Protein backbone atom coordinates (compact mmCIF):
# COMPACT_ATOMS: atom_id res chain seq x y z
CA MET A 1 0.16 -0.05 -0.21
CA GLY A 2 1.00 3.60 -0.36
CA ARG A 3 0.06 7.17 -0.73
CA ILE A 4 -0.39 9.14 -3.81
CA ARG A 5 -0.67 13.09 -2.86
CA LEU A 6 -0.70 16.45 -4.44
CA ASN A 7 -0.50 19.46 -2.65
CA ASN A 8 -2.14 22.86 -2.96
CA ILE A 9 -3.31 22.55 -6.85
CA LYS A 10 -4.38 26.57 -6.96
CA LEU A 11 -6.86 27.27 -9.50
CA TYR A 12 -9.29 30.01 -9.90
CA GLY A 13 -13.18 29.24 -9.74
CA TYR A 14 -16.58 30.42 -9.64
CA HIS A 15 -18.18 28.66 -6.88
CA GLY A 16 -20.30 29.97 -4.11
CA CYS A 17 -23.73 30.38 -2.72
CA PHE A 18 -23.69 34.70 -3.39
CA PRO A 19 -23.88 35.84 -7.20
CA GLU A 20 -20.30 38.30 -7.09
CA GLU A 21 -18.38 34.49 -6.18
CA LYS A 22 -20.80 33.20 -9.50
CA SER A 23 -19.43 36.36 -11.48
CA LEU A 24 -16.08 37.34 -10.23
CA GLY A 25 -14.75 33.82 -8.90
CA GLN A 26 -12.06 34.11 -6.27
CA PRO A 27 -8.81 31.59 -5.92
CA PHE A 28 -9.11 27.95 -4.39
CA GLU A 29 -6.20 25.24 -3.33
CA ILE A 30 -6.99 21.60 -3.23
CA ASP A 31 -5.21 18.74 -1.99
CA VAL A 32 -5.60 15.05 -3.14
CA GLU A 33 -4.34 12.15 -1.22
CA ILE A 34 -5.31 8.69 -2.68
CA ASP A 35 -4.46 5.53 -0.84
CA ALA A 36 -3.46 2.78 -3.59
CA ASP A 37 -1.63 -0.69 -4.12
CA LEU A 38 1.79 1.04 -5.59
CA THR A 39 3.35 -2.67 -5.30
CA ARG A 40 3.67 -3.48 -8.49
CA ALA A 41 5.22 0.43 -9.28
CA VAL A 42 7.90 0.09 -7.21
CA ALA A 43 8.65 -3.10 -8.52
CA GLU A 44 9.24 -2.36 -12.14
CA ASP A 45 9.44 0.94 -11.67
CA LYS A 46 7.82 2.10 -15.05
CA LEU A 47 5.22 5.13 -15.12
CA THR A 48 3.06 2.32 -17.30
CA THR A 49 2.78 0.45 -13.69
CA THR A 50 0.97 4.03 -11.50
CA THR A 51 -0.91 6.83 -12.25
CA ASP A 52 0.46 9.71 -13.95
CA TYR A 53 0.24 12.75 -11.47
CA SER A 54 -0.63 14.72 -14.80
CA THR A 55 -4.04 12.89 -15.17
CA ILE A 56 -4.70 13.34 -11.71
CA HIS A 57 -3.61 17.19 -12.00
CA LYS A 58 -5.95 17.50 -14.94
CA THR A 59 -8.83 15.21 -13.70
CA VAL A 60 -9.04 18.12 -10.68
CA GLU A 61 -8.52 20.52 -12.90
CA THR A 62 -11.46 19.89 -15.23
CA VAL A 63 -13.59 18.42 -12.64
CA PHE A 64 -13.15 21.88 -10.64
CA THR A 65 -12.82 24.18 -13.81
CA GLN A 66 -15.60 23.31 -15.98
CA ASN A 67 -18.25 23.35 -13.13
CA LYS A 68 -19.90 26.36 -11.35
CA PHE A 69 -20.91 24.50 -7.23
CA ASN A 70 -22.60 26.08 -4.58
CA LEU A 71 -20.54 24.45 -1.94
CA ILE A 72 -16.90 23.63 -1.63
CA GLU A 73 -18.47 20.32 0.20
CA THR A 74 -19.56 19.22 -3.72
CA ALA A 75 -17.08 20.19 -5.52
CA ALA A 76 -14.86 17.67 -3.19
CA ASP A 77 -16.56 15.42 -3.50
CA ARG A 78 -16.88 15.51 -7.24
CA ILE A 79 -13.18 15.61 -7.47
CA GLY A 80 -13.16 12.32 -5.31
CA LYS A 81 -15.59 10.62 -7.39
CA ALA A 82 -13.73 11.44 -10.85
CA ILE A 83 -10.22 10.66 -9.80
CA LEU A 84 -11.66 7.30 -7.99
CA ALA A 85 -13.21 6.33 -11.63
CA LEU A 86 -9.24 6.84 -13.09
CA ASP A 87 -7.87 3.54 -11.39
CA HIS A 88 -8.15 0.65 -9.04
CA PHE A 89 -7.44 3.62 -6.13
CA ASN A 90 -8.61 2.19 -2.71
CA ALA A 91 -9.50 5.36 -1.48
CA VAL A 92 -8.84 9.41 -2.04
CA THR A 93 -9.39 12.41 0.10
CA VAL A 94 -9.64 15.77 -1.56
CA ARG A 95 -9.81 18.95 0.35
CA VAL A 96 -10.96 22.38 -1.09
CA ARG A 97 -9.88 25.47 0.76
CA LYS A 98 -11.54 28.69 -0.06
CA ILE A 99 -8.97 31.27 0.42
CA SER A 100 -11.33 34.41 0.46
CA ALA A 101 -14.72 33.32 1.80
CA PRO A 102 -16.97 36.35 2.20
CA ILE A 103 -16.39 36.57 5.91
CA ALA A 104 -16.31 38.70 8.83
CA GLY A 105 -13.58 38.13 10.94
CA ALA A 106 -9.54 37.10 10.21
CA PHE A 107 -8.87 33.58 9.06
CA ASP A 108 -6.17 32.28 6.47
CA SER A 109 -9.19 29.87 4.63
CA ILE A 110 -11.91 27.63 4.94
CA GLU A 111 -11.38 23.63 4.42
CA VAL A 112 -13.41 21.06 3.47
CA GLU A 113 -12.05 17.63 3.22
CA ILE A 114 -14.03 14.17 2.08
CA THR A 115 -12.77 10.81 2.01
CA GLN A 116 -14.28 8.28 -0.32
CA ARG A 117 -13.42 4.82 -0.52
CA ARG A 118 -14.25 2.75 -3.21
CA ASN A 119 -16.29 -0.35 -1.32
CA SER A 120 -18.48 2.39 -0.29
CA GLU A 121 -19.81 3.29 -3.43
């Protein structure tokens, strides 16, 4: 077993419940953590025996930028489902951070984390 992580993917999106969020957009950060059997990849040391990280990144980018979600919870869910569909991963955890959430007060970001497992489909 092993983990593949893509950390702090920076994307611009039009997600949120307020009209300004959907029209102006804002920056987001996304982390993806995949639990997978990497035994064959380690033994053979070939890209063809694992998932190309650029494919994971492109999947995140496509799901996130080609949709307008009200909730970052929904964005995380859709990204997770799309990644599980790529390969025979055991589980995926997706964290979506909204950097500029329209909340009065000081904070770095708002983050949602969703984990999906293959056996729970």
